[in-house]
Amino acid sequence: MERPNWAPDDVDIDRPSAARVYDYALGGSHNFAVDRDLFRRLTATVPDLVPLAQASRAFLRRAVRFCAAAGVRQFLDIGSGIPTRGSVHEIAQRVAPDARVVYVDIDQVAVAHSRAILAGNDRIGVVQEDLRRTEHILRHPEVRHRLDFDRPMAVLLVTMLHLITDEDDPAGIVARLRDAIAPGSYVVISHATPENRPRTVTEGVQMLQSGGIVATLRTREQVERLFAGFEIVEPGVVWIPRWHPDTPADADDCRPERSIMVAGVGRKR
């Protein structure tokens, strides 16, 4: 395909990325033909992928509102993806106009687009980095400039940790983040699991892997263990429509029995 004029010169437009596939699922326009092709193949296996992506995004909004209402004014969004309507800073700043956000992603398109549309906002930073290089994120000058690690913050790992293999030690990654943040901070995690729809989810992961995107499914109990050192807030690690729905009807409309993601929020003691 022809390279779009908004695409960085050194990005591989023939290799799909999780951020851009997710962007397409949410109706975004910063994706390539290879991402759209992978999405179409995924929907042959997971036909309700779009509402599932929307439900995931809705969880992010609810979790950010929850943390902001609890007094958090700093957000570190790792695996932030490509900005869409209702991004973290928009949600947080509706509750607290002084909220600060640093977006972190490995994808060049996500980072370039974020920097372009957020330029000039002195309460927002954008960093290109790999979650597996946790210390590089924590020491990054932009992160240190925007966020005060002596005060509570929320670390967002939404639809992120299933992209980390067991060999890369997701529990160790979360622990390093936990140790760096102040008491009273929160971690927000959502994660793919095969428990509701094992065949569908396993086939979806195989499809992702065929496109070069490695994903690792984990059980609810394994996801709960990622919250070691945090007090998991009610209602615990649950299907994403069940986590603090705006109304009970919203949870039912999202059909939790069809969910492929569990989610929870933990508070550092």
C-alpha atoms as a PDB file:
ATOM      1  CA  MET A   1       0.000   0.000   0.000  1.00  0.00           C
ATOM      2  CA  GLU A   2       0.996   3.637  -0.416  1.00  0.00           C
ATOM      3  CA  ARG A   3       2.392   5.192   2.766  1.00  0.00           C
ATOM      4  CA  PRO A   4      -0.114   7.666   4.275  1.00  0.00           C
ATOM      5  CA  ASN A   5       1.297  11.162   4.741  1.00  0.00           C
ATOM      6  CA  TRP A   6       0.725  10.949   8.518  1.00  0.00           C
ATOM      7  CA  ALA A   7       2.784   7.756   8.919  1.00  0.00           C
ATOM      8  CA  PRO A   8       6.355   8.105  10.262  1.00  0.00           C
ATOM      9  CA  ASP A   9       8.922   7.347   7.586  1.00  0.00           C
ATOM     10  CA  ASP A  10      10.506   4.478   9.492  1.00  0.00           C
ATOM     11  CA  VAL A  11       7.328   2.627  10.498  1.00  0.00           C
ATOM     12  CA  ASP A  12       6.755  -0.740   8.796  1.00  0.00           C
ATOM     13  CA  ILE A  13       3.392  -0.411   7.037  1.00  0.00           C
ATOM     14  CA  ASP A  14       3.416  -4.115   6.124  1.00  0.00           C
ATOM     15  CA  ARG A  15       3.422  -5.346   9.727  1.00  0.00           C
ATOM     16  CA  PRO A  16       0.274  -5.082  11.880  1.00  0.00           C
ATOM     17  CA  SER A  17       0.315  -3.691  15.402  1.00  0.00           C
ATOM     18  CA  ALA A  18      -2.057  -4.257  18.301  1.00  0.00           C
ATOM     19  CA  ALA A  19      -2.515  -0.496  18.773  1.00  0.00           C
ATOM     20  CA  ARG A  20      -3.583   0.059  15.173  1.00  0.00           C
ATOM     21  CA  VAL A  21      -5.882  -2.990  15.041  1.00  0.00           C
ATOM     22  CA  TYR A  22      -7.557  -1.682  18.207  1.00  0.00           C
ATOM     23  CA  ASP A  23      -7.789   1.774  16.630  1.00  0.00           C
ATOM     24  CA  TYR A  24      -9.611   0.301  13.632  1.00  0.00           C
ATOM     25  CA  ALA A  25     -11.952  -1.705  15.894  1.00  0.00           C
ATOM     26  CA  LEU A  26     -12.919   1.573  17.593  1.00  0.00           C
ATOM     27  CA  GLY A  27     -13.564   3.320  14.291  1.00  0.00           C
ATOM     28  CA  GLY A  28     -10.247   5.174  14.110  1.00  0.00           C
ATOM     29  CA  SER A  29      -8.400   6.142  10.950  1.00  0.00           C
ATOM     30  CA  HIS A  30      -4.736   5.767  11.954  1.00  0.00           C
ATOM     31  CA  ASN A  31      -4.211   2.232  10.732  1.00  0.00           C
ATOM     32  CA  PHE A  32      -2.868   0.496   7.642  1.00  0.00           C
ATOM     33  CA  ALA A  33      -4.303  -2.039   5.217  1.00  0.00           C
ATOM     34  CA  VAL A  34      -2.391  -4.799   6.996  1.00  0.00           C
ATOM     35  CA  ASP A  35      -4.091  -3.872  10.293  1.00  0.00           C
ATOM     36  CA  ARG A  36      -7.528  -3.828   8.681  1.00  0.00           C
ATOM     37  CA  ASP A  37      -6.894  -7.179   7.031  1.00  0.00           C
ATOM     38  CA  LEU A  38      -5.913  -8.747  10.361  1.00  0.00           C
ATOM     39  CA  PHE A  39      -8.992  -7.220  11.998  1.00  0.00           C
ATOM     40  CA  ARG A  40     -11.261  -8.724   9.321  1.00  0.00           C
ATOM     41  CA  ARG A  41      -9.683 -12.135   9.828  1.00  0.00           C
ATOM     42  CA  LEU A  42     -10.113 -11.782  13.587  1.00  0.00           C
ATOM     43  CA  THR A  43     -13.802 -10.970  13.239  1.00  0.00           C
ATOM     44  CA  ALA A  44     -14.288 -14.203  11.316  1.00  0.00           C
ATOM     45  CA  THR A  45     -13.267 -15.917  14.560  1.00  0.00           C
ATOM     46  CA  VAL A  46     -14.617 -13.333  17.041  1.00  0.00           C
ATOM     47  CA  PRO A  47     -17.644 -11.786  15.272  1.00  0.00           C
ATOM     48  CA  ASP A  48     -18.456  -9.462  18.184  1.00  0.00           C
ATOM     49  CA  LEU A  49     -14.965  -7.964  18.326  1.00  0.00           C
ATOM     50  CA  VAL A  50     -16.188  -4.377  17.851  1.00  0.00           C
ATOM     51  CA  PRO A  51     -18.586  -4.351  20.834  1.00  0.00           C
ATOM     52  CA  LEU A  52     -15.937  -6.134  22.880  1.00  0.00           C
ATOM     53  CA  ALA A  53     -13.440  -3.379  22.020  1.00  0.00           C
ATOM     54  CA  GLN A  54     -16.028  -0.745  22.892  1.00  0.00           C
ATOM     55  CA  ALA A  55     -16.696  -2.436  26.232  1.00  0.00           C
ATOM     56  CA  SER A  56     -12.967  -2.397  26.954  1.00  0.00           C
ATOM     57  CA  ARG A  57     -12.784   1.302  26.198  1.00  0.00           C
ATOM     58  CA  ALA A  58     -15.800   1.928  28.411  1.00  0.00           C
ATOM     59  CA  PHE A  59     -14.042   0.147  31.283  1.00  0.00           C
ATOM     60  CA  LEU A  60     -11.048   2.455  30.858  1.00  0.00           C
ATOM     61  CA  ARG A  61     -13.319   5.491  31.135  1.00  0.00           C
ATOM     62  CA  ARG A  62     -14.998   4.173  34.275  1.00  0.00           C
ATOM     63  CA  ALA A  63     -11.691   3.268  35.914  1.00  0.00           C
ATOM     64  CA  VAL A  64     -10.198   6.697  35.218  1.00  0.00           C
ATOM     65  CA  ARG A  65     -13.295   8.391  36.642  1.00  0.00           C
ATOM     66  CA  PHE A  66     -13.074   6.154  39.715  1.00  0.00           C
ATOM     67  CA  CYS A  67      -9.424   7.036  40.341  1.00  0.00           C
ATOM     68  CA  ALA A  68     -10.002  10.749  39.750  1.00  0.00           C
ATOM     69  CA  ALA A  69     -12.971  10.717  42.129  1.00  0.00           C
ATOM     70  CA  ALA A  70     -10.709   9.047  44.713  1.00  0.00           C
ATOM     71  CA  GLY A  71      -8.387  12.048  44.544  1.00  0.00           C
ATOM     72  CA  VAL A  72      -5.803  10.894  41.987  1.00  0.00           C
ATOM     73  CA  ARG A  73      -4.469  13.725  39.842  1.00  0.00           C
ATOM     74  CA  GLN A  74      -1.717  11.863  37.956  1.00  0.00           C
ATOM     75  CA  PHE A  75      -2.075   9.086  35.392  1.00  0.00           C
ATOM     76  CA  LEU A  76       0.591   6.951  33.730  1.00  0.00           C
ATOM     77  CA  ASP A  77      -1.098   5.201  30.805  1.00  0.00           C
ATOM     78  CA  ILE A  78       1.186   2.452  29.496  1.00  0.00           C
ATOM     79  CA  GLY A  79       0.093   0.881  26.232  1.00  0.00           C
ATOM     80  CA  SER A  80      -2.082   3.925  25.631  1.00  0.00           C
ATOM     81  CA  GLY A  81      -2.561   3.277  21.919  1.00  0.00           C
ATOM     82  CA  ILE A  82      -3.837   5.818  19.427  1.00  0.00           C
ATOM     83  CA  PRO A  83      -5.865   8.652  20.994  1.00  0.00           C
ATOM     84  CA  THR A  84      -9.585   8.470  20.388  1.00  0.00           C
ATOM     85  CA  ARG A  85     -12.561  10.387  21.650  1.00  0.00           C
ATOM     86  CA  GLY A  86     -12.717  10.065  25.432  1.00  0.00           C
ATOM     87  CA  SER A  87      -9.004   9.605  26.044  1.00  0.00           C
ATOM     88  CA  VAL A  88      -7.615   9.467  29.570  1.00  0.00           C
ATOM     89  CA  HIS A  89      -6.778  13.168  29.878  1.00  0.00           C
ATOM     90  CA  GLU A  90     -10.242  14.184  28.696  1.00  0.00           C
ATOM     91  CA  ILE A  91     -11.945  11.925  31.234  1.00  0.00           C
ATOM     92  CA  ALA A  92      -9.644  12.810  34.127  1.00  0.00           C
ATOM     93  CA  GLN A  93      -9.742  16.546  33.465  1.00  0.00           C
ATOM     94  CA  ARG A  94     -13.539  16.564  33.485  1.00  0.00           C
ATOM     95  CA  VAL A  95     -13.306  15.482  37.116  1.00  0.00           C
ATOM     96  CA  ALA A  96     -10.117  17.400  37.945  1.00  0.00           C
ATOM     97  CA  PRO A  97      -8.944  20.072  35.466  1.00  0.00           C
ATOM     98  CA  ASP A  98      -5.458  19.961  37.012  1.00  0.00           C
ATOM     99  CA  ALA A  99      -4.963  16.253  36.272  1.00  0.00           C
ATOM    100  CA  ARG A 100      -1.713  15.275  34.552  1.00  0.00           C
ATOM    101  CA  VAL A 101      -1.268  12.362  32.156  1.00  0.00           C
ATOM    102  CA  VAL A 102       1.711  10.685  30.526  1.00  0.00           C
ATOM    103  CA  TYR A 103       0.909   8.378  27.619  1.00  0.00           C
ATOM    104  CA  VAL A 104       3.384   5.582  26.859  1.00  0.00           C
ATOM    105  CA  ASP A 105       3.311   3.278  23.853  1.00  0.00           C
ATOM    106  CA  ILE A 106       5.760   1.285  21.784  1.00  0.00           C
ATOM    107  CA  ASP A 107       3.912   1.911  18.505  1.00  0.00           C
ATOM    108  CA  GLN A 108       5.391   4.756  16.446  1.00  0.00           C
ATOM    109  CA  VAL A 109       2.064   5.740  14.897  1.00  0.00           C
ATOM    110  CA  ALA A 110       0.399   5.947  18.308  1.00  0.00           C
ATOM    111  CA  VAL A 111       3.212   8.107  19.666  1.00  0.00           C
ATOM    112  CA  ALA A 112       3.473  10.368  16.614  1.00  0.00           C
ATOM    113  CA  HIS A 113      -0.284  10.962  16.479  1.00  0.00           C
ATOM    114  CA  SER A 114      -0.438  11.565  20.234  1.00  0.00           C
ATOM    115  CA  ARG A 115       2.332  14.144  20.066  1.00  0.00           C
ATOM    116  CA  ALA A 116       0.708  15.896  17.123  1.00  0.00           C
ATOM    117  CA  ILE A 117      -2.739  16.304  18.657  1.00  0.00           C
ATOM    118  CA  LEU A 118      -1.572  16.938  22.229  1.00  0.00           C
ATOM    119  CA  ALA A 119       1.193  19.428  21.480  1.00  0.00           C
ATOM    120  CA  GLY A 120       1.023  22.514  23.639  1.00  0.00           C
ATOM    121  CA  ASN A 121      -0.837  20.888  26.524  1.00  0.00           C
ATOM    122  CA  ASP A 122       1.578  21.293  29.441  1.00  0.00           C
ATOM    123  CA  ARG A 123      -0.290  18.752  31.560  1.00  0.00           C
ATOM    124  CA  ILE A 124       0.255  15.892  29.098  1.00  0.00           C
ATOM    125  CA  GLY A 125       3.375  14.017  28.061  1.00  0.00           C
ATOM    126  CA  VAL A 126       3.930  11.353  25.415  1.00  0.00           C
ATOM    127  CA  VAL A 127       6.712   8.758  25.530  1.00  0.00           C
ATOM    128  CA  GLN A 128       7.707   5.998  23.130  1.00  0.00           C
ATOM    129  CA  GLU A 129       8.873   3.056  25.214  1.00  0.00           C
ATOM    130  CA  ASP A 130       8.405  -0.665  25.783  1.00  0.00           C
ATOM    131  CA  LEU A 131       6.656  -1.834  28.969  1.00  0.00           C
ATOM    132  CA  ARG A 132       9.228  -4.610  29.244  1.00  0.00           C
ATOM    133  CA  ARG A 133      11.816  -1.851  29.794  1.00  0.00           C
ATOM    134  CA  THR A 134       9.998  -0.726  32.920  1.00  0.00           C
ATOM    135  CA  GLU A 135      12.939   1.135  34.424  1.00  0.00           C
ATOM    136  CA  HIS A 136      13.363   3.152  31.238  1.00  0.00           C
ATOM    137  CA  ILE A 137       9.761   4.320  31.571  1.00  0.00           C
ATOM    138  CA  LEU A 138      10.147   5.166  35.252  1.00  0.00           C
ATOM    139  CA  ARG A 139      13.374   7.110  34.649  1.00  0.00           C
ATOM    140  CA  HIS A 140      12.264   8.819  31.441  1.00  0.00           C
ATOM    141  CA  PRO A 141      12.717  12.624  31.682  1.00  0.00           C
ATOM    142  CA  GLU A 142       9.228  13.292  30.335  1.00  0.00           C
ATOM    143  CA  VAL A 143       7.675  10.985  32.939  1.00  0.00           C
ATOM    144  CA  ARG A 144       9.694  12.557  35.741  1.00  0.00           C
ATOM    145  CA  HIS A 145       8.905  16.062  34.533  1.00  0.00           C
ATOM    146  CA  ARG A 146       5.141  15.535  34.418  1.00  0.00           C
ATOM    147  CA  LEU A 147       4.554  13.207  37.364  1.00  0.00           C
ATOM    148  CA  ASP A 148       5.468  13.439  41.042  1.00  0.00           C
ATOM    149  CA  PHE A 149       6.314   9.970  42.359  1.00  0.00           C
ATOM    150  CA  ASP A 150       5.948  11.153  45.941  1.00  0.00           C
ATOM    151  CA  ARG A 151       2.222  11.628  45.383  1.00  0.00           C
ATOM    152  CA  PRO A 152      -0.433   9.026  44.475  1.00  0.00           C
ATOM    153  CA  MET A 153      -0.953   8.241  40.810  1.00  0.00           C
ATOM    154  CA  ALA A 154      -2.872   5.724  38.730  1.00  0.00           C
ATOM    155  CA  VAL A 155      -0.902   3.356  36.505  1.00  0.00           C
ATOM    156  CA  LEU A 156      -3.087   2.116  33.648  1.00  0.00           C
ATOM    157  CA  LEU A 157      -2.298  -1.272  32.075  1.00  0.00           C
ATOM    158  CA  VAL A 158      -5.471  -1.694  30.050  1.00  0.00           C
ATOM    159  CA  THR A 159      -5.501  -4.468  27.407  1.00  0.00           C
ATOM    160  CA  MET A 160      -1.736  -4.541  27.822  1.00  0.00           C
ATOM    161  CA  LEU A 161      -0.412  -7.373  29.950  1.00  0.00           C
ATOM    162  CA  HIS A 162      -1.681 -10.177  27.705  1.00  0.00           C
ATOM    163  CA  LEU A 163       0.838  -8.813  25.188  1.00  0.00           C
ATOM    164  CA  ILE A 164       3.604  -9.671  27.681  1.00  0.00           C
ATOM    165  CA  THR A 165       4.826 -13.260  27.616  1.00  0.00           C
ATOM    166  CA  ASP A 166       5.461 -15.322  30.742  1.00  0.00           C
ATOM    167  CA  GLU A 167       9.168 -15.172  29.895  1.00  0.00           C
ATOM    168  CA  ASP A 168       9.018 -11.372  30.192  1.00  0.00           C
ATOM    169  CA  ASP A 169       7.504 -11.727  33.688  1.00  0.00           C
ATOM    170  CA  PRO A 170       4.346  -9.571  33.796  1.00  0.00           C
ATOM    171  CA  ALA A 171       4.103  -9.991  37.581  1.00  0.00           C
ATOM    172  CA  GLY A 172       7.638  -8.642  37.933  1.00  0.00           C
ATOM    173  CA  ILE A 173       6.772  -5.689  35.704  1.00  0.00           C
ATOM    174  CA  VAL A 174       3.753  -4.800  37.841  1.00  0.00           C
ATOM    175  CA  ALA A 175       5.830  -5.224  41.001  1.00  0.00           C
ATOM    176  CA  ARG A 176       8.473  -2.789  39.741  1.00  0.00           C
ATOM    177  CA  LEU A 177       5.783  -0.245  38.946  1.00  0.00           C
ATOM    178  CA  ARG A 178       4.184  -0.836  42.365  1.00  0.00           C
ATOM    179  CA  ASP A 179       7.474  -0.280  44.171  1.00  0.00           C
ATOM    180  CA  ALA A 180       8.058   3.008  42.342  1.00  0.00           C
ATOM    181  CA  ILE A 181       4.717   4.667  43.153  1.00  0.00           C
ATOM    182  CA  ALA A 182       3.514   6.232  46.384  1.00  0.00           C
ATOM    183  CA  PRO A 183       1.095   4.647  48.859  1.00  0.00           C
ATOM    184  CA  GLY A 184      -2.465   5.480  47.910  1.00  0.00           C
ATOM    185  CA  SER A 185      -1.702   4.943  44.216  1.00  0.00           C
ATOM    186  CA  TYR A 186      -3.783   2.686  41.996  1.00  0.00           C
ATOM    187  CA  VAL A 187      -3.102   0.155  39.267  1.00  0.00           C
ATOM    188  CA  VAL A 188      -5.748  -0.551  36.618  1.00  0.00           C
ATOM    189  CA  ILE A 189      -5.484  -3.858  34.754  1.00  0.00           C
ATOM    190  CA  SER A 190      -7.604  -5.538  32.108  1.00  0.00           C
ATOM    191  CA  HIS A 191      -6.548  -8.822  30.550  1.00  0.00           C
ATOM    192  CA  ALA A 192      -7.783 -11.378  28.015  1.00  0.00           C
ATOM    193  CA  THR A 193      -8.821 -14.751  29.397  1.00  0.00           C
ATOM    194  CA  PRO A 194     -10.153 -17.944  27.774  1.00  0.00           C
ATOM    195  CA  GLU A 195     -12.576 -18.813  30.576  1.00  0.00           C
ATOM    196  CA  ASN A 196     -15.867 -17.714  28.982  1.00  0.00           C
ATOM    197  CA  ARG A 197     -15.150 -18.667  25.383  1.00  0.00           C
ATOM    198  CA  PRO A 198     -12.051 -20.898  25.313  1.00  0.00           C
ATOM    199  CA  ARG A 199     -12.204 -22.003  21.688  1.00  0.00           C
ATOM    200  CA  THR A 200     -13.017 -18.563  20.308  1.00  0.00           C
ATOM    201  CA  VAL A 201     -10.372 -16.751  22.323  1.00  0.00           C
ATOM    202  CA  THR A 202      -7.680 -19.341  21.628  1.00  0.00           C
ATOM    203  CA  GLU A 203      -8.366 -19.160  17.893  1.00  0.00           C
ATOM    204  CA  GLY A 204      -8.253 -15.357  18.093  1.00  0.00           C
ATOM    205  CA  VAL A 205      -4.843 -15.474  19.764  1.00  0.00           C
ATOM    206  CA  GLN A 206      -3.591 -17.845  17.072  1.00  0.00           C
ATOM    207  CA  MET A 207      -4.819 -15.368  14.465  1.00  0.00           C
ATOM    208  CA  LEU A 208      -2.937 -12.539  16.180  1.00  0.00           C
ATOM    209  CA  GLN A 209       0.199 -14.632  16.303  1.00  0.00           C
ATOM    210  CA  SER A 210      -0.093 -15.317  12.573  1.00  0.00           C
ATOM    211  CA  GLY A 211       0.200 -11.542  12.154  1.00  0.00           C
ATOM    212  CA  GLY A 212       3.246 -11.361  14.395  1.00  0.00           C
ATOM    213  CA  ILE A 213       1.416 -10.137  17.523  1.00  0.00           C
ATOM    214  CA  VAL A 214       2.201 -12.375  20.484  1.00  0.00           C
ATOM    215  CA  ALA A 215      -0.553 -12.713  23.102  1.00  0.00           C
ATOM    216  CA  THR A 216      -0.718 -14.827  26.244  1.00  0.00           C
ATOM    217  CA  LEU A 217      -4.037 -15.802  27.782  1.00  0.00           C
ATOM    218  CA  ARG A 218      -4.298 -16.050  31.571  1.00  0.00           C
ATOM    219  CA  THR A 219      -6.968 -17.218  33.964  1.00  0.00           C
ATOM    220  CA  ARG A 220      -8.806 -14.921  36.349  1.00  0.00           C
ATOM    221  CA  GLU A 221      -6.727 -16.326  39.224  1.00  0.00           C
ATOM    222  CA  GLN A 222      -3.510 -15.544  37.345  1.00  0.00           C
ATOM    223  CA  VAL A 223      -4.713 -11.999  36.701  1.00  0.00           C
ATOM    224  CA  GLU A 224      -5.586 -11.597  40.393  1.00  0.00           C
ATOM    225  CA  ARG A 225      -2.007 -12.552  41.273  1.00  0.00           C
ATOM    226  CA  LEU A 226      -0.749  -9.600  39.222  1.00  0.00           C
ATOM    227  CA  PHE A 227      -2.236  -7.375  41.951  1.00  0.00           C
ATOM    228  CA  ALA A 228       0.220  -8.629  44.595  1.00  0.00           C
ATOM    229  CA  GLY A 229       0.920  -5.801  47.056  1.00  0.00           C
ATOM    230  CA  PHE A 230      -2.291  -3.995  46.117  1.00  0.00           C
ATOM    231  CA  GLU A 231      -5.661  -4.099  47.818  1.00  0.00           C
ATOM    232  CA  ILE A 232      -8.121  -5.025  45.063  1.00  0.00           C
ATOM    233  CA  VAL A 233     -11.114  -2.699  45.256  1.00  0.00           C
ATOM    234  CA  GLU A 234     -14.655  -3.989  45.006  1.00  0.00           C
ATOM    235  CA  PRO A 235     -16.023  -5.835  43.105  1.00  0.00           C
ATOM    236  CA  GLY A 236     -12.654  -7.514  42.525  1.00  0.00           C
ATOM    237  CA  VAL A 237     -11.368  -8.925  39.240  1.00  0.00           C
ATOM    238  CA  VAL A 238     -14.517  -9.362  37.168  1.00  0.00           C
ATOM    239  CA  TRP A 239     -15.735  -9.400  33.565  1.00  0.00           C
ATOM    240  CA  ILE A 240     -15.255  -5.849  32.321  1.00  0.00           C
ATOM    241  CA  PRO A 241     -18.976  -4.988  31.973  1.00  0.00           C
ATOM    242  CA  ARG A 242     -19.370  -5.902  35.651  1.00  0.00           C
ATOM    243  CA  TRP A 243     -16.711  -3.475  36.916  1.00  0.00           C
ATOM    244  CA  HIS A 244     -18.585  -0.413  38.249  1.00  0.00           C
ATOM    245  CA  PRO A 245     -21.129  -0.213  35.396  1.00  0.00           C
ATOM    246  CA  ASP A 246     -22.751   3.178  34.977  1.00  0.00           C
ATOM    247  CA  THR A 247     -26.085   1.436  35.504  1.00  0.00           C
ATOM    248  CA  PRO A 248     -27.005  -2.225  36.106  1.00  0.00           C
ATOM    249  CA  ALA A 249     -28.648  -2.232  32.687  1.00  0.00           C
ATOM    250  CA  ASP A 250     -25.331  -1.263  31.075  1.00  0.00           C
ATOM    251  CA  ALA A 251     -23.697  -4.406  32.418  1.00  0.00           C
ATOM    252  CA  ASP A 252     -26.501  -6.588  31.114  1.00  0.00           C
ATOM    253  CA  ASP A 253     -26.486  -4.878  27.709  1.00  0.00           C
ATOM    254  CA  CYS A 254     -22.782  -5.701  27.330  1.00  0.00           C
ATOM    255  CA  ARG A 255     -23.552  -9.413  27.852  1.00  0.00           C
ATOM    256  CA  PRO A 256     -20.883 -10.353  30.423  1.00  0.00           C
ATOM    257  CA  GLU A 257     -21.349 -13.999  29.503  1.00  0.00           C
ATOM    258  CA  ARG A 258     -19.778 -13.158  26.123  1.00  0.00           C
ATOM    259  CA  SER A 259     -16.819 -11.267  27.609  1.00  0.00           C
ATOM    260  CA  ILE A 260     -13.244 -12.222  26.873  1.00  0.00           C
ATOM    261  CA  MET A 261     -11.641  -9.726  29.269  1.00  0.00           C
ATOM    262  CA  VAL A 262     -11.454  -9.477  33.034  1.00  0.00           C
ATOM    263  CA  ALA A 263     -10.468  -6.313  34.830  1.00  0.00           C
ATOM    264  CA  GLY A 264      -9.787  -4.865  38.239  1.00  0.00           C
ATOM    265  CA  VAL A 265      -8.336  -1.928  40.117  1.00  0.00           C
ATOM    266  CA  GLY A 266      -5.901  -2.199  43.018  1.00  0.00           C
ATOM    267  CA  ARG A 267      -4.846   0.371  45.601  1.00  0.00           C
ATOM    268  CA  LYS A 268      -1.316   0.370  47.004  1.00  0.00           C
ATOM    269  CA  ARG A 269      -1.394   0.113  50.756  1.00  0.00           C
END
